[in-house]
Amino acid sequence: MTNYNYRAKKGLQELVNGTIEAQSEKEAIEKISALGYLPLHLEEAPGGQRDPVAAVAHKSHGRIRASQITIFGRQLSSLLKSGVPILSAINIIREQSENVHLKAVLFDIYNVIKNGGTFSSALEAYPKYFSVLYIAMVRTGENSGALAGSLLRIADYRAKQEELLSRFRMALAYPVLMALVGVGTVVFMLTFVMPRLMGIFSNLGQNLPLPTKILLAVSQGLRQWWPGIILSLVAVIFLIKQQLKTKMGRLSWSILKLHIPIFGKFALKADLACFSRTLELLIKSGLPILKALEISVQVLSNEVIKEKLMRSHGDLEQGGSFGRSMKDSKLLPLFMVNLISVGEESGNLAGALGEVADSYERDTDEMIRIMSSLLEPLMILAMGLIVGFIVVAMLLPVFEINMMAK
């Protein structure tokens, strides 16, 4: 990475000078253009002025947790509300941060602002950490002079999303652990215990009970074909991942998710809750409805819902009704459509979206609680049936030997 000094045109008359880091002059020009400037002059900065910590961090691929970005936004909001200038605030947070990679990001953001750039344009260089929603909220706060409030709202929003995701992960943690332990136990019994009992069972010839024959066949297959089984699983996972990178693959997976019993409703409500909360947040921040809708659609994970809502965006752009367009899609729940229609007609769309988000967030919380309550006994039952079958299949020949001995 090299530091380049530049002079660029901002708007019709304003000139700005600054320093930017890039791999080459071409990349530096592209980055300057991405900031909305017209590059006039570019030269390599003598000696490079990179913070040693930042240099180390940029040479490696570090990880910044989502919660650290949320804390950064909340801390920056508090400092700005206290009257601390933004450069000093960023520097304070950077110095107290323990994550060297976050230090590097904050150092670069500090330099962009110091050299005449805006905070939102500095964040655009890090789309991995700062989403389109985050940048839009910051830009709106900058334009309205209420950056501290915007940062606090986006921090609260992110905290709620992280809390929901954390509860979902916690609900799955125990069943997943049980599944791994259960699978490990079954594989151990089939590959290590069963071969040692082969000699006893072979004395019975073809008179083995059916469950025992099935167990022996599975055990023998695992021991003989385990490399092929592992390779097949890896190949299937790889193909699925590659397919999900294509638009058709994502669309197919989205359709499948919506039709899975119980989980389909959960996925739909979770996506719509996130969308409604995001759109509410952007509208309350003063963003125009079309731009707010365009950004909100990007937070959705389901391609089918995305397509439906982008059609609503097109209808709204042509002067149509947002609520009526959503109703025509047939996919979105009537509860959501009716509330949004009423909010649109009464001029309180943000309030209606807030009610939709509150309702679906309560529903998803309840569904997570129910799923976690049901998954545990179901996993215990499934593992018990499998292990019980193995034990019975192993003991049946022993009982037959005892009967023959008598």
Protein backbone atom coordinates (compact mmCIF):
# COMPACT_ATOMS: atom_id res chain seq x y z
CA MET A 1 0.00 0.00 0.00
CA THR A 2 1.23 3.50 -0.94
CA ASN A 3 0.04 6.89 0.23
CA TYR A 4 -0.80 9.41 -2.53
CA ASN A 5 -1.31 13.15 -2.15
CA TYR A 6 -4.07 14.46 -4.38
CA ARG A 7 -5.81 17.63 -5.41
CA ALA A 8 -9.35 17.25 -6.68
CA LYS A 9 -12.40 19.25 -7.61
CA LYS A 10 -15.51 19.01 -5.43
CA GLY A 11 -18.60 20.41 -7.08
CA LEU A 12 -18.27 23.27 -9.54
CA GLN A 13 -15.72 25.47 -7.77
CA GLU A 14 -14.44 23.91 -4.53
CA LEU A 15 -10.97 22.34 -4.52
CA VAL A 16 -9.90 19.76 -1.94
CA ASN A 17 -6.48 18.35 -1.04
CA GLY A 18 -5.91 15.08 0.71
CA THR A 19 -4.03 11.82 1.09
CA ILE A 20 -5.32 8.42 0.07
CA GLU A 21 -3.87 4.92 0.26
CA ALA A 22 -3.90 2.59 -2.74
CA GLN A 23 -1.97 -0.19 -4.45
CA SER A 24 -1.39 1.91 -7.59
CA GLU A 25 -2.12 5.33 -9.12
CA LYS A 26 -5.04 3.84 -11.04
CA GLU A 27 -6.60 2.50 -7.84
CA ALA A 28 -5.99 5.84 -6.10
CA ILE A 29 -7.83 7.69 -8.90
CA GLU A 30 -10.71 5.22 -8.65
CA LYS A 31 -10.94 5.75 -4.88
CA ILE A 32 -10.89 9.54 -5.27
CA SER A 33 -13.61 9.33 -7.92
CA ALA A 34 -15.66 7.10 -5.59
CA LEU A 35 -15.59 9.91 -3.03
CA GLY A 36 -17.41 12.09 -5.54
CA TYR A 37 -14.35 14.18 -6.46
CA LEU A 38 -12.78 14.93 -9.86
CA PRO A 39 -9.00 14.14 -9.60
CA LEU A 40 -6.78 16.98 -10.87
CA HIS A 41 -3.33 16.06 -9.56
CA LEU A 42 -1.87 12.92 -7.98
CA GLU A 43 1.60 12.17 -6.60
CA GLU A 44 3.14 9.65 -4.24
CA ALA A 45 3.46 10.98 -0.70
CA PRO A 46 7.12 11.10 0.41
CA GLY A 47 7.99 8.61 3.11
CA GLY A 48 4.43 7.35 3.57
CA GLN A 49 2.59 8.56 6.64
CA ARG A 50 0.89 5.41 7.82
CA ASP A 51 0.43 4.63 11.47
CA PRO A 52 2.67 1.61 12.34
CA VAL A 53 -0.26 -0.22 13.93
CA ALA A 54 -2.41 0.45 10.88
CA ALA A 55 0.33 -0.76 8.55
CA VAL A 56 0.62 -4.04 10.41
CA ALA A 57 -3.14 -4.50 10.41
CA HIS A 58 -3.52 -3.83 6.71
CA LYS A 59 -0.90 -6.42 5.80
CA SER A 60 -3.06 -9.13 7.37
CA HIS A 61 -6.71 -9.96 6.97
CA GLY A 62 -8.12 -9.02 10.34
CA ARG A 63 -11.56 -9.48 11.78
CA ILE A 64 -13.69 -6.80 13.35
CA ARG A 65 -16.80 -8.12 15.08
CA ALA A 66 -20.16 -6.54 14.34
CA SER A 67 -20.56 -5.71 18.03
CA GLN A 68 -17.34 -3.65 17.92
CA ILE A 69 -18.74 -1.53 15.08
CA THR A 70 -21.94 -1.05 17.10
CA ILE A 71 -19.95 0.03 20.17
CA PHE A 72 -17.89 2.40 18.00
CA GLY A 73 -21.07 4.11 16.76
CA ARG A 74 -22.49 4.44 20.26
CA GLN A 75 -19.22 5.81 21.68
CA LEU A 76 -18.84 8.28 18.82
CA SER A 77 -22.41 9.47 19.34
CA SER A 78 -21.77 10.05 23.06
CA LEU A 79 -18.57 11.99 22.40
CA LEU A 80 -20.20 14.16 19.73
CA LYS A 81 -23.13 14.93 22.05
CA SER A 82 -20.60 16.01 24.68
CA GLY A 83 -19.20 18.58 22.25
CA VAL A 84 -16.02 16.71 21.26
CA PRO A 85 -14.99 17.43 17.62
CA ILE A 86 -15.33 14.41 15.34
CA LEU A 87 -11.57 14.11 14.66
CA SER A 88 -10.76 14.14 18.37
CA ALA A 89 -13.61 11.70 19.06
CA ILE A 90 -12.39 9.20 16.45
CA ASN A 91 -8.84 9.49 17.77
CA ILE A 92 -10.00 8.88 21.36
CA ILE A 93 -11.91 5.73 20.35
CA ARG A 94 -8.99 4.55 18.23
CA GLU A 95 -6.48 4.91 21.07
CA GLN A 96 -8.62 2.96 23.54
CA SER A 97 -9.49 0.17 21.07
CA GLU A 98 -7.78 -3.19 21.65
CA ASN A 99 -8.42 -4.47 18.12
CA VAL A 100 -5.49 -3.50 15.88
CA HIS A 101 -7.60 -3.92 12.75
CA LEU A 102 -10.24 -1.53 14.07
CA LYS A 103 -7.40 0.86 14.92
CA ALA A 104 -6.28 0.69 11.28
CA VAL A 105 -9.77 1.42 9.96
CA LEU A 106 -10.24 4.34 12.35
CA PHE A 107 -6.82 5.72 11.41
CA ASP A 108 -7.79 5.77 7.73
CA ILE A 109 -11.17 7.33 8.52
CA TYR A 110 -9.39 9.96 10.62
CA ASN A 111 -7.05 10.80 7.71
CA VAL A 112 -9.85 11.10 5.16
CA ILE A 113 -11.78 13.54 7.38
CA LYS A 114 -8.60 15.43 8.28
CA ASN A 115 -7.84 15.90 4.58
CA GLY A 116 -11.23 17.39 3.79
CA GLY A 117 -13.36 14.31 3.21
CA THR A 118 -16.67 13.59 4.87
CA PHE A 119 -17.26 10.93 7.51
CA SER A 120 -19.71 9.07 5.27
CA SER A 121 -17.27 9.02 2.33
CA ALA A 122 -14.58 7.65 4.65
CA LEU A 123 -16.88 4.81 5.70
CA GLU A 124 -17.56 3.90 2.06
CA ALA A 125 -14.00 2.56 1.79
CA TYR A 126 -14.98 -0.23 4.22
CA PRO A 127 -18.22 -1.82 2.93
CA LYS A 128 -17.30 -5.01 4.80
CA TYR A 129 -17.83 -3.27 8.13
CA PHE A 130 -20.18 -0.39 7.30
CA SER A 131 -23.30 -1.35 5.36
CA VAL A 132 -25.18 0.79 2.86
CA LEU A 133 -27.73 1.45 5.62
CA TYR A 134 -25.02 2.63 8.03
CA ILE A 135 -23.49 4.99 5.47
CA ALA A 136 -26.90 6.36 4.43
CA MET A 137 -27.79 7.09 8.05
CA VAL A 138 -24.46 8.83 8.63
CA ARG A 139 -24.81 10.90 5.46
CA THR A 140 -28.33 11.92 6.45
CA GLY A 141 -27.05 12.93 9.89
CA GLU A 142 -24.25 14.95 8.32
CA ASN A 143 -26.63 16.81 6.01
CA SER A 144 -29.13 17.55 8.79
CA GLY A 145 -26.52 18.46 11.40
CA ALA A 146 -27.70 15.64 13.68
CA LEU A 147 -24.90 13.12 13.23
CA ALA A 148 -24.87 12.13 16.92
CA GLY A 149 -28.58 11.24 16.82
CA SER A 150 -28.19 9.23 13.61
CA LEU A 151 -25.27 7.28 15.06
CA LEU A 152 -27.26 6.49 18.19
CA ARG A 153 -30.27 5.29 16.18
CA ILE A 154 -28.16 3.04 13.96
CA ALA A 155 -26.32 1.68 17.04
CA ASP A 156 -29.64 0.85 18.73
CA TYR A 157 -30.86 -0.79 15.52
CA ARG A 158 -27.72 -2.90 15.16
CA ALA A 159 -27.86 -3.90 18.84
CA LYS A 160 -31.42 -5.22 18.39
CA GLN A 161 -30.44 -7.18 15.28
CA GLU A 162 -27.39 -8.64 17.01
CA GLU A 163 -29.49 -9.60 20.03
CA LEU A 164 -32.01 -11.42 17.82
CA LEU A 165 -29.22 -13.25 15.99
CA SER A 166 -27.59 -14.16 19.31
CA ARG A 167 -30.85 -15.64 20.64
CA PHE A 168 -31.25 -17.66 17.46
CA ARG A 169 -27.71 -19.02 17.75
CA MET A 170 -28.18 -19.84 21.42
CA ALA A 171 -31.40 -21.69 20.60
CA LEU A 172 -29.51 -23.85 18.09
CA ALA A 173 -26.36 -24.35 20.16
CA TYR A 174 -27.62 -27.21 22.36
CA PRO A 175 -29.36 -29.21 19.57
CA VAL A 176 -26.32 -28.84 17.32
CA LEU A 177 -24.00 -30.01 20.11
CA MET A 178 -26.26 -32.98 20.77
CA ALA A 179 -26.32 -33.83 17.07
CA LEU A 180 -22.51 -33.74 16.83
CA VAL A 181 -22.09 -35.89 19.95
CA GLY A 182 -24.77 -38.30 18.72
CA VAL A 183 -23.24 -38.65 15.25
CA GLY A 184 -19.78 -39.11 16.79
CA THR A 185 -21.13 -41.84 19.11
CA VAL A 186 -22.86 -43.69 16.27
CA VAL A 187 -19.78 -43.53 14.02
CA PHE A 188 -17.59 -44.79 16.88
CA MET A 189 -19.90 -47.74 17.54
CA LEU A 190 -20.15 -48.65 13.86
CA THR A 191 -16.44 -48.35 13.04
CA PHE A 192 -14.76 -49.56 16.26
CA VAL A 193 -17.24 -51.59 18.29
CA MET A 194 -18.99 -53.51 15.53
CA PRO A 195 -15.80 -54.94 13.90
CA ARG A 196 -14.83 -56.53 17.22
CA LEU A 197 -18.16 -58.31 17.37
CA MET A 198 -17.89 -59.61 13.80
CA GLY A 199 -16.20 -62.82 14.93
CA ILE A 200 -19.06 -63.66 17.27
CA PHE A 201 -21.73 -62.89 14.69
CA SER A 202 -19.99 -64.85 11.90
CA ASN A 203 -20.57 -68.08 13.82
CA LEU A 204 -24.30 -67.68 13.21
CA GLY A 205 -23.86 -67.59 9.43
CA GLN A 206 -26.98 -66.40 7.60
CA ASN A 207 -29.20 -66.74 10.65
CA LEU A 208 -28.50 -63.23 11.85
CA PRO A 209 -31.57 -61.11 12.66
CA LEU A 210 -32.49 -58.46 10.09
CA PRO A 211 -31.55 -55.47 12.32
CA THR A 212 -28.10 -56.99 12.85
CA LYS A 213 -27.61 -57.59 9.10
CA ILE A 214 -28.53 -53.95 8.41
CA LEU A 215 -26.12 -52.76 11.11
CA LEU A 216 -23.29 -54.93 9.78
CA ALA A 217 -23.85 -53.68 6.23
CA VAL A 218 -23.76 -50.04 7.37
CA SER A 219 -20.66 -50.68 9.49
CA GLN A 220 -18.85 -52.40 6.65
CA GLY A 221 -19.82 -49.68 4.21
CA LEU A 222 -18.53 -46.94 6.52
CA ARG A 223 -15.20 -48.67 7.03
CA GLN A 224 -14.66 -49.43 3.35
CA TRP A 225 -16.02 -46.27 1.75
CA TRP A 226 -15.34 -43.57 4.37
CA PRO A 227 -12.90 -41.62 2.09
CA GLY A 228 -15.51 -41.58 -0.69
CA ILE A 229 -18.27 -40.59 1.73
CA ILE A 230 -16.22 -37.67 3.09
CA LEU A 231 -15.24 -36.53 -0.41
CA SER A 232 -18.85 -36.75 -1.55
CA LEU A 233 -20.02 -34.62 1.38
CA VAL A 234 -17.31 -32.03 0.69
CA ALA A 235 -18.22 -32.00 -3.02
CA VAL A 236 -21.93 -31.55 -2.26
CA ILE A 237 -21.22 -28.69 0.17
CA PHE A 238 -18.91 -27.05 -2.38
CA LEU A 239 -21.47 -27.35 -5.18
CA ILE A 240 -24.22 -25.91 -2.98
CA LYS A 241 -22.01 -22.95 -2.05
CA GLN A 242 -21.14 -22.32 -5.70
CA GLN A 243 -24.79 -22.57 -6.69
CA LEU A 244 -25.79 -20.07 -3.98
CA LYS A 245 -23.42 -17.55 -5.55
CA THR A 246 -25.59 -17.50 -8.69
CA LYS A 247 -28.84 -15.57 -8.94
CA MET A 248 -30.80 -18.68 -9.91
CA GLY A 249 -29.33 -20.64 -7.00
CA ARG A 250 -30.20 -17.92 -4.48
CA LEU A 251 -33.71 -17.65 -5.92
CA SER A 252 -34.25 -21.42 -5.71
CA TRP A 253 -33.00 -21.51 -2.13
CA SER A 254 -35.23 -18.55 -1.22
CA ILE A 255 -38.31 -20.30 -2.64
CA LEU A 256 -37.40 -23.51 -0.79
CA LYS A 257 -36.96 -21.66 2.52
CA LEU A 258 -40.42 -20.12 2.29
CA HIS A 259 -42.03 -23.55 1.80
CA ILE A 260 -40.30 -25.37 4.68
CA PRO A 261 -42.94 -26.10 7.38
CA ILE A 262 -42.68 -23.78 10.42
CA PHE A 263 -39.24 -22.50 9.40
CA GLY A 264 -40.71 -20.86 6.28
CA LYS A 265 -42.99 -18.62 8.36
CA PHE A 266 -40.13 -17.82 10.71
CA ALA A 267 -37.82 -16.83 7.82
CA LEU A 268 -40.52 -14.66 6.23
CA LYS A 269 -41.39 -12.81 9.45
CA ALA A 270 -37.73 -12.33 10.42
CA ASP A 271 -36.96 -10.81 7.01
CA LEU A 272 -40.04 -8.57 7.03
CA ALA A 273 -39.32 -7.41 10.59
CA CYS A 274 -35.80 -6.42 9.58
CA PHE A 275 -37.06 -4.68 6.43
CA SER A 276 -39.81 -2.78 8.27
CA ARG A 277 -37.48 -1.64 11.05
CA THR A 278 -34.87 -0.48 8.53
CA LEU A 279 -37.38 1.44 6.42
CA GLU A 280 -38.88 3.04 9.54
CA LEU A 281 -35.42 4.12 10.68
CA LEU A 282 -34.52 5.68 7.33
CA ILE A 283 -37.83 7.51 6.93
CA LYS A 284 -37.59 8.92 10.46
CA SER A 285 -34.07 10.10 9.62
CA GLY A 286 -35.48 12.21 6.80
CA LEU A 287 -34.49 10.09 3.81
CA PRO A 288 -36.86 10.22 0.81
CA ILE A 289 -39.14 7.18 0.59
CA LEU A 290 -37.74 5.94 -2.73
CA LYS A 291 -34.13 6.04 -1.53
CA ALA A 292 -35.10 4.59 1.86
CA LEU A 293 -36.96 1.72 0.18
CA GLU A 294 -34.05 1.01 -2.16
CA ILE A 295 -31.65 0.73 0.81
CA SER A 296 -34.08 -1.26 2.96
CA VAL A 297 -34.56 -3.91 0.29
CA GLN A 298 -30.82 -4.65 0.44
CA VAL A 299 -31.06 -5.90 4.04
CA LEU A 300 -33.35 -8.75 2.96
CA SER A 301 -31.82 -12.20 2.62
CA ASN A 302 -34.69 -13.73 0.62
CA GLU A 303 -34.47 -13.06 -3.13
CA VAL A 304 -38.20 -13.66 -3.70
CA ILE A 305 -39.22 -10.98 -1.20
CA LYS A 306 -36.56 -8.68 -2.65
CA GLU A 307 -38.06 -8.98 -6.13
CA LYS A 308 -41.57 -8.31 -4.85
CA LEU A 309 -40.53 -5.19 -2.95
CA MET A 310 -38.40 -3.88 -5.82
CA ARG A 311 -41.52 -4.06 -7.99
CA SER A 312 -43.27 -1.99 -5.33
CA HIS A 313 -40.37 0.46 -5.53
CA GLY A 314 -40.93 0.72 -9.30
CA ASP A 315 -44.67 1.26 -8.87
CA LEU A 316 -44.05 3.92 -6.23
CA GLU A 317 -41.53 5.63 -8.50
CA GLN A 318 -44.19 5.87 -11.21
CA GLY A 319 -46.67 7.49 -8.81
CA GLY A 320 -48.49 4.37 -7.61
CA SER A 321 -49.43 3.34 -4.09
CA PHE A 322 -46.88 1.46 -1.99
CA GLY A 323 -49.55 -0.43 -0.04
CA ARG A 324 -51.57 -1.39 -3.11
CA SER A 325 -48.45 -2.59 -4.92
CA MET A 326 -47.51 -4.79 -1.93
CA LYS A 327 -51.03 -6.23 -1.85
CA ASP A 328 -50.77 -7.22 -5.51
CA SER A 329 -47.66 -9.31 -4.79
CA LYS A 330 -49.79 -11.99 -2.97
CA LEU A 331 -46.72 -13.08 -1.00
CA LEU A 332 -46.65 -10.45 1.74
CA PRO A 333 -48.98 -10.97 4.74
CA LEU A 334 -52.25 -8.98 4.73
CA PHE A 335 -51.49 -7.73 8.25
CA MET A 336 -48.39 -5.93 7.00
CA VAL A 337 -50.00 -4.73 3.77
CA ASN A 338 -53.08 -3.30 5.53
CA LEU A 339 -51.06 -1.49 8.20
CA ILE A 340 -48.77 0.06 5.61
CA SER A 341 -51.76 1.09 3.46
CA VAL A 342 -53.39 2.81 6.45
CA GLY A 343 -50.09 4.47 7.41
CA GLU A 344 -49.57 5.65 3.84
CA GLU A 345 -53.05 7.16 3.65
CA SER A 346 -52.77 8.85 7.06
CA GLY A 347 -49.29 10.20 6.40
CA ASN A 348 -47.75 8.13 9.22
CA LEU A 349 -45.93 5.45 7.24
CA ALA A 350 -43.01 5.32 9.69
CA GLY A 351 -45.38 4.63 12.59
CA ALA A 352 -47.11 1.83 10.67
CA LEU A 353 -43.75 0.27 9.79
CA GLY A 354 -42.77 0.45 13.46
CA GLU A 355 -45.92 -1.46 14.44
CA VAL A 356 -45.23 -4.10 11.79
CA ALA A 357 -41.64 -4.47 12.99
CA ASP A 358 -42.71 -4.70 16.66
CA SER A 359 -45.31 -7.36 15.86
CA TYR A 360 -43.02 -9.53 13.74
CA GLU A 361 -40.13 -9.17 16.18
CA ARG A 362 -42.40 -10.47 18.96
CA ASP A 363 -43.50 -13.32 16.68
CA THR A 364 -39.93 -14.30 15.80
CA ASP A 365 -38.90 -14.18 19.46
CA GLU A 366 -41.79 -16.49 20.33
CA MET A 367 -40.98 -18.84 17.44
CA ILE A 368 -37.33 -19.00 18.53
CA ARG A 369 -38.44 -19.90 22.05
CA ILE A 370 -40.82 -22.58 20.76
CA MET A 371 -38.25 -24.04 18.35
CA SER A 372 -35.59 -24.20 21.05
CA SER A 373 -38.07 -25.91 23.39
CA LEU A 374 -39.05 -28.48 20.75
CA LEU A 375 -35.64 -29.14 19.21
CA GLU A 376 -34.07 -30.42 22.42
CA PRO A 377 -36.57 -33.24 23.11
CA LEU A 378 -36.72 -34.07 19.40
CA MET A 379 -32.94 -34.42 19.23
CA ILE A 380 -32.94 -36.57 22.39
CA LEU A 381 -35.68 -38.76 20.92
CA ALA A 382 -33.92 -39.12 17.55
CA MET A 383 -30.54 -39.96 19.12
CA GLY A 384 -32.24 -42.35 21.54
CA LEU A 385 -33.96 -44.22 18.68
CA ILE A 386 -30.74 -44.53 16.67
CA VAL A 387 -28.60 -45.67 19.61
CA GLY A 388 -31.42 -47.95 20.79
CA PHE A 389 -31.60 -49.60 17.36
CA ILE A 390 -27.82 -50.18 17.39
CA VAL A 391 -27.89 -51.67 20.87
CA VAL A 392 -30.83 -53.96 20.05
CA ALA A 393 -29.18 -55.05 16.80
CA MET A 394 -25.98 -55.91 18.70
CA LEU A 395 -27.77 -57.81 21.49
CA LEU A 396 -30.16 -59.89 19.37
CA PRO A 397 -27.44 -62.31 18.14
CA VAL A 398 -26.17 -62.65 21.70
CA PHE A 399 -29.66 -63.71 22.81
CA GLU A 400 -29.81 -66.21 19.95
CA ILE A 401 -26.44 -67.68 20.95
CA ASN A 402 -27.71 -68.12 24.51
CA MET A 403 -30.86 -69.82 23.20
CA MET A 404 -28.75 -72.18 21.06
CA ALA A 405 -26.53 -72.98 24.04
CA LYS A 406 -29.57 -73.99 26.07
